[in-house]
C-alpha atoms as a PDB file:
ATOM      1  CA  MET A   1      78.535   3.696   3.235  1.00  0.00           C
ATOM      2  CA  GLY A   2      81.717   4.079   5.226  1.00  0.00           C
ATOM      3  CA  ASN A   3      83.240   6.495   2.715  1.00  0.00           C
ATOM      4  CA  ASP A   4      80.345   8.962   2.493  1.00  0.00           C
ATOM      5  CA  LYS A   5      81.600  12.515   2.438  1.00  0.00           C
ATOM      6  CA  LYS A   6      79.400  15.435   3.242  1.00  0.00           C
ATOM      7  CA  ILE A   7      79.853  18.401   0.973  1.00  0.00           C
ATOM      8  CA  ALA A   8      79.264  21.792   2.512  1.00  0.00           C
ATOM      9  CA  VAL A   9      76.810  23.663   0.334  1.00  0.00           C
ATOM     10  CA  GLN A  10      76.236  27.335   0.959  1.00  0.00           C
ATOM     11  CA  HIS A  11      72.554  28.105   0.774  1.00  0.00           C
ATOM     12  CA  THR A  12      71.172  31.508   0.026  1.00  0.00           C
ATOM     13  CA  HIS A  13      69.778  31.783   3.546  1.00  0.00           C
ATOM     14  CA  ASP A  14      73.387  31.739   4.736  1.00  0.00           C
ATOM     15  CA  ASN A  15      73.783  35.275   3.405  1.00  0.00           C
ATOM     16  CA  ASP A  16      70.914  36.357   5.624  1.00  0.00           C
ATOM     17  CA  LEU A  17      69.017  38.483   3.081  1.00  0.00           C
ATOM     18  CA  THR A  18      65.350  38.440   3.902  1.00  0.00           C
ATOM     19  CA  HIS A  19      62.508  39.101   1.481  1.00  0.00           C
ATOM     20  CA  SER A  20      62.023  42.492   3.120  1.00  0.00           C
ATOM     21  CA  MET A  21      65.701  43.448   2.783  1.00  0.00           C
ATOM     22  CA  VAL A  22      65.587  42.538  -0.879  1.00  0.00           C
ATOM     23  CA  HIS A  23      62.674  44.915  -1.430  1.00  0.00           C
ATOM     24  CA  TYR A  24      64.619  47.778   0.159  1.00  0.00           C
ATOM     25  CA  LEU A  25      67.620  47.074  -2.052  1.00  0.00           C
ATOM     26  CA  LEU A  26      65.417  46.887  -5.138  1.00  0.00           C
ATOM     27  CA  ALA A  27      63.663  50.138  -4.195  1.00  0.00           C
ATOM     28  CA  ILE A  28      67.001  51.956  -3.864  1.00  0.00           C
ATOM     29  CA  HIS A  29      68.148  50.510  -7.168  1.00  0.00           C
ATOM     30  CA  LYS A  30      64.930  51.524  -8.919  1.00  0.00           C
ATOM     31  CA  LEU A  31      64.941  55.046  -7.495  1.00  0.00           C
ATOM     32  CA  LYS A  32      68.582  55.595  -8.436  1.00  0.00           C
ATOM     33  CA  GLU A  33      67.825  54.493 -11.998  1.00  0.00           C
ATOM     34  CA  MET A  34      64.644  56.554 -12.304  1.00  0.00           C
ATOM     35  CA  LYS A  35      65.517  59.730 -10.386  1.00  0.00           C
ATOM     36  CA  GLY A  36      69.280  59.550  -9.998  1.00  0.00           C
ATOM     37  CA  TYR A  37      68.986  59.522  -6.218  1.00  0.00           C
ATOM     38  CA  ALA A  38      67.277  57.767  -3.327  1.00  0.00           C
ATOM     39  CA  ARG A  39      66.432  59.223   0.061  1.00  0.00           C
ATOM     40  CA  VAL A  40      64.606  57.730   3.033  1.00  0.00           C
ATOM     41  CA  THR A  41      61.472  59.688   2.071  1.00  0.00           C
ATOM     42  CA  ASP A  42      61.612  58.402  -1.512  1.00  0.00           C
ATOM     43  CA  ILE A  43      62.001  54.811  -0.360  1.00  0.00           C
ATOM     44  CA  ALA A  44      59.134  55.192   2.123  1.00  0.00           C
ATOM     45  CA  ASN A  45      56.890  56.574  -0.634  1.00  0.00           C
ATOM     46  CA  GLU A  46      57.948  53.885  -3.102  1.00  0.00           C
ATOM     47  CA  MET A  47      57.259  51.080  -0.638  1.00  0.00           C
ATOM     48  CA  GLY A  48      54.243  52.614   1.124  1.00  0.00           C
ATOM     49  CA  LEU A  49      55.974  52.577   4.515  1.00  0.00           C
ATOM     50  CA  THR A  50      56.797  55.067   7.228  1.00  0.00           C
ATOM     51  CA  LYS A  51      60.132  56.886   7.245  1.00  0.00           C
ATOM     52  CA  GLY A  52      60.821  55.342  10.656  1.00  0.00           C
ATOM     53  CA  SER A  53      60.425  51.797   9.332  1.00  0.00           C
ATOM     54  CA  VAL A  54      62.644  52.584   6.375  1.00  0.00           C
ATOM     55  CA  SER A  55      65.326  54.160   8.585  1.00  0.00           C
ATOM     56  CA  THR A  56      65.431  51.081  10.803  1.00  0.00           C
ATOM     57  CA  ALA A  57      65.750  48.751   7.840  1.00  0.00           C
ATOM     58  CA  LEU A  58      68.411  50.920   6.212  1.00  0.00           C
ATOM     59  CA  ASN A  59      70.522  50.863   9.374  1.00  0.00           C
ATOM     60  CA  ASN A  60      70.517  47.085   9.152  1.00  0.00           C
ATOM     61  CA  LEU A  61      71.499  47.208   5.461  1.00  0.00           C
ATOM     62  CA  ARG A  62      74.294  49.697   6.228  1.00  0.00           C
ATOM     63  CA  LYS A  63      75.673  47.372   8.921  1.00  0.00           C
ATOM     64  CA  ARG A  64      75.802  44.625   6.281  1.00  0.00           C
ATOM     65  CA  ASP A  65      77.636  46.973   3.905  1.00  0.00           C
ATOM     66  CA  LEU A  66      74.886  46.734   1.302  1.00  0.00           C
ATOM     67  CA  VAL A  67      73.878  50.409   1.391  1.00  0.00           C
ATOM     68  CA  VAL A  68      75.931  53.576   1.755  1.00  0.00           C
ATOM     69  CA  GLU A  69      74.799  57.091   2.562  1.00  0.00           C
ATOM     70  CA  ASP A  70      76.633  60.266   1.545  1.00  0.00           C
ATOM     71  CA  GLU A  71      76.890  63.513   3.522  1.00  0.00           C
ATOM     72  CA  SER A  72      73.727  64.826   1.827  1.00  0.00           C
ATOM     73  CA  LYS A  73      71.731  61.781   3.032  1.00  0.00           C
ATOM     74  CA  PHE A  74      71.485  60.288  -0.469  1.00  0.00           C
ATOM     75  CA  LEU A  75      71.522  56.507  -0.472  1.00  0.00           C
ATOM     76  CA  SER A  76      73.319  54.191  -2.869  1.00  0.00           C
ATOM     77  CA  LEU A  77      73.991  50.520  -3.094  1.00  0.00           C
ATOM     78  CA  SER A  78      77.483  49.436  -2.187  1.00  0.00           C
ATOM     79  CA  GLU A  79      79.387  47.196  -4.579  1.00  0.00           C
ATOM     80  CA  SER A  80      78.074  44.134  -2.719  1.00  0.00           C
ATOM     81  CA  GLY A  81      74.561  45.600  -2.578  1.00  0.00           C
ATOM     82  CA  HIS A  82      74.637  46.257  -6.310  1.00  0.00           C
ATOM     83  CA  GLN A  83      75.818  42.698  -6.984  1.00  0.00           C
ATOM     84  CA  ALA A  84      73.080  41.326  -4.732  1.00  0.00           C
ATOM     85  CA  VAL A  85      70.453  43.262  -6.716  1.00  0.00           C
ATOM     86  CA  HIS A  86      71.763  41.914 -10.023  1.00  0.00           C
ATOM     87  CA  ASP A  87      71.771  38.371  -8.643  1.00  0.00           C
ATOM     88  CA  ILE A  88      68.232  38.753  -7.311  1.00  0.00           C
ATOM     89  CA  LEU A  89      66.896  40.268 -10.524  1.00  0.00           C
ATOM     90  CA  SER A  90      68.557  37.508 -12.541  1.00  0.00           C
ATOM     91  CA  SER A  91      66.930  34.872 -10.373  1.00  0.00           C
ATOM     92  CA  ARG A  92      63.569  36.655 -10.604  1.00  0.00           C
ATOM     93  CA  THR A  93      63.773  36.866 -14.384  1.00  0.00           C
ATOM     94  CA  LEU A  94      64.664  33.186 -14.746  1.00  0.00           C
ATOM     95  CA  LEU A  95      61.875  32.148 -12.405  1.00  0.00           C
ATOM     96  CA  PHE A  96      59.358  34.445 -14.087  1.00  0.00           C
ATOM     97  CA  TYR A  97      59.923  32.986 -17.554  1.00  0.00           C
ATOM     98  CA  PHE A  98      60.116  29.427 -16.271  1.00  0.00           C
ATOM     99  CA  LEU A  99      56.831  29.742 -14.403  1.00  0.00           C
ATOM    100  CA  LYS A 100      55.034  31.667 -17.158  1.00  0.00           C
ATOM    101  CA  ASP A 101      56.336  29.979 -20.295  1.00  0.00           C
ATOM    102  CA  ILE A 102      57.326  26.479 -19.197  1.00  0.00           C
ATOM    103  CA  VAL A 103      55.034  25.735 -16.252  1.00  0.00           C
ATOM    104  CA  GLY A 104      52.178  27.755 -17.745  1.00  0.00           C
ATOM    105  CA  VAL A 105      50.961  29.855 -14.829  1.00  0.00           C
ATOM    106  CA  THR A 106      49.461  33.280 -15.459  1.00  0.00           C
ATOM    107  CA  GLU A 107      51.758  36.266 -15.798  1.00  0.00           C
ATOM    108  CA  GLU A 108      50.417  37.661 -12.514  1.00  0.00           C
ATOM    109  CA  THR A 109      51.150  34.411 -10.670  1.00  0.00           C
ATOM    110  CA  ALA A 110      54.582  34.156 -12.281  1.00  0.00           C
ATOM    111  CA  HIS A 111      55.351  37.700 -11.127  1.00  0.00           C
ATOM    112  CA  LYS A 112      54.200  37.098  -7.546  1.00  0.00           C
ATOM    113  CA  ASP A 113      55.904  33.720  -7.186  1.00  0.00           C
ATOM    114  CA  SER A 114      59.171  34.792  -8.792  1.00  0.00           C
ATOM    115  CA  CYS A 115      59.249  37.748  -6.398  1.00  0.00           C
ATOM    116  CA  LEU A 116      58.784  35.409  -3.437  1.00  0.00           C
ATOM    117  CA  MET A 117      61.501  32.984  -4.572  1.00  0.00           C
ATOM    118  CA  GLU A 118      64.116  35.320  -6.060  1.00  0.00           C
ATOM    119  CA  HIS A 119      66.308  35.760  -2.985  1.00  0.00           C
ATOM    120  CA  LEU A 120      66.287  32.071  -2.070  1.00  0.00           C
ATOM    121  CA  MET A 121      68.250  30.845  -5.079  1.00  0.00           C
ATOM    122  CA  SER A 122      71.964  30.131  -4.721  1.00  0.00           C
ATOM    123  CA  GLU A 123      74.488  31.267  -7.300  1.00  0.00           C
ATOM    124  CA  GLU A 124      75.087  27.669  -8.354  1.00  0.00           C
ATOM    125  CA  THR A 125      71.376  27.021  -8.870  1.00  0.00           C
ATOM    126  CA  ARG A 126      70.903  30.322 -10.723  1.00  0.00           C
ATOM    127  CA  ASN A 127      73.762  29.500 -13.117  1.00  0.00           C
ATOM    128  CA  MET A 128      72.570  25.946 -13.722  1.00  0.00           C
ATOM    129  CA  PHE A 129      68.963  27.103 -14.040  1.00  0.00           C
ATOM    130  CA  PHE A 130      70.052  29.591 -16.698  1.00  0.00           C
ATOM    131  CA  LYS A 131      71.846  26.828 -18.609  1.00  0.00           C
ATOM    132  CA  PHE A 132      68.777  24.591 -18.236  1.00  0.00           C
ATOM    133  CA  MET A 133      66.451  27.282 -19.593  1.00  0.00           C
ATOM    134  CA  GLN A 134      68.862  27.959 -22.420  1.00  0.00           C
ATOM    135  CA  SER A 135      69.000  24.263 -23.320  1.00  0.00           C
ATOM    136  CA  LEU A 136      65.198  24.003 -23.196  1.00  0.00           C
ATOM    137  CA  CYS A 137      64.854  26.905 -25.564  1.00  0.00           C
ATOM    138  CA  ASN A 138      67.491  25.409 -27.886  1.00  0.00           C
ATOM    139  CA  GLY A 139      65.771  22.027 -27.840  1.00  0.00           C
ATOM    140  CA  GLU A 140      68.899  20.380 -26.438  1.00  0.00           C
ATOM    141  CA  ALA A 141      67.108  18.768 -23.507  1.00  0.00           C
ATOM    142  CA  LYS A 142      66.252  15.384 -25.075  1.00  0.00           C
ATOM    143  CA  LYS A 143      64.447  16.983 -28.000  1.00  0.00           C
ATOM    144  CA  MET A 144      61.969  18.702 -25.707  1.00  0.00           C
ATOM    145  CA  VAL A 145      61.523  22.194 -27.076  1.00  0.00           C
ATOM    146  CA  PHE A 146      59.860  24.857 -25.017  1.00  0.00           C
ATOM    147  CA  ASN A 147      59.170  28.306 -26.286  1.00  0.00           C
ATOM    148  CA  THR A 148      59.630  31.331 -24.129  1.00  0.00           C
ATOM    149  CA  SER A 149      59.196  34.969 -24.943  1.00  0.00           C
ATOM    150  CA  PHE A 150      62.676  35.694 -23.580  1.00  0.00           C
ATOM    151  CA  ASP A 151      65.685  35.041 -25.817  1.00  0.00           C
ATOM    152  CA  PHE A 152      68.154  33.185 -23.604  1.00  0.00           C
ATOM    153  CA  ASN A 153      70.318  32.526 -26.642  1.00  0.00           C
ATOM    154  CA  GLN A 154      71.500  36.126 -26.762  1.00  0.00           C
ATOM    155  CA  PHE A 155      73.914  35.257 -23.944  1.00  0.00           C
ATOM    156  CA  ASP A 156      76.904  32.954 -24.083  1.00  0.00           C
ATOM    157  CA  HIS A 157      77.273  32.656 -20.321  1.00  0.00           C
ATOM    158  CA  PRO A 158      75.086  33.231 -17.244  1.00  0.00           C
ATOM    159  CA  ALA A 159      77.393  36.080 -16.151  1.00  0.00           C
ATOM    160  CA  GLU A 160      76.402  38.094 -19.239  1.00  0.00           C
ATOM    161  CA  PHE A 161      72.745  37.644 -18.295  1.00  0.00           C
ATOM    162  CA  ILE A 162      73.373  38.685 -14.701  1.00  0.00           C
ATOM    163  CA  ASP A 163      75.330  41.795 -15.720  1.00  0.00           C
ATOM    164  CA  ILE A 164      72.490  43.276 -17.805  1.00  0.00           C
ATOM    165  CA  GLN A 165      69.815  43.102 -15.101  1.00  0.00           C
ATOM    166  CA  LYS A 166      68.384  46.562 -14.454  1.00  0.00           C
ATOM    167  CA  GLY A 167      64.945  46.042 -13.007  1.00  0.00           C
ATOM    168  CA  ASP A 168      61.661  44.413 -13.794  1.00  0.00           C
ATOM    169  CA  SER A 169      62.174  44.983 -17.510  1.00  0.00           C
ATOM    170  CA  TYR A 170      60.848  41.509 -18.251  1.00  0.00           C
ATOM    171  CA  LEU A 171      57.447  42.826 -17.207  1.00  0.00           C
ATOM    172  CA  LYS A 172      57.593  45.470 -19.980  1.00  0.00           C
END
């Protein structure tokens, strides 16, 4: 026991993104994809909140360099905000299919639970979880074959999977 070394592991909570912050980032991302722009009013309507609540939250996201605003008051995700959204959507997609197709919960439960867990997953876990799901679907995990309606085999590496995330497309 004298030679035990503690390894510092960065947990997702270290990046300080809350569930609420994630929803703001996802709303901006969705609005930009659907309409080509996002304003405070659009985000408030999308999320069913007041403009005041949205403004307060956006100030916090701006301070974290996750959101930028142009001179016309149009909002966009910064490079780091965009990467955070792709990471979150990748985690959500992995969790959704795992819960629905492997664990066997209903689609509604898989959606709700994956939404609750998406921002808690570290990059390391997301990458290893992807590889795990891929191996399950290939039957490489000790001859245990699980079927899922998502084709993990279309990707050679988790980064390819993360790069294509655009939204809740796994929900149709």
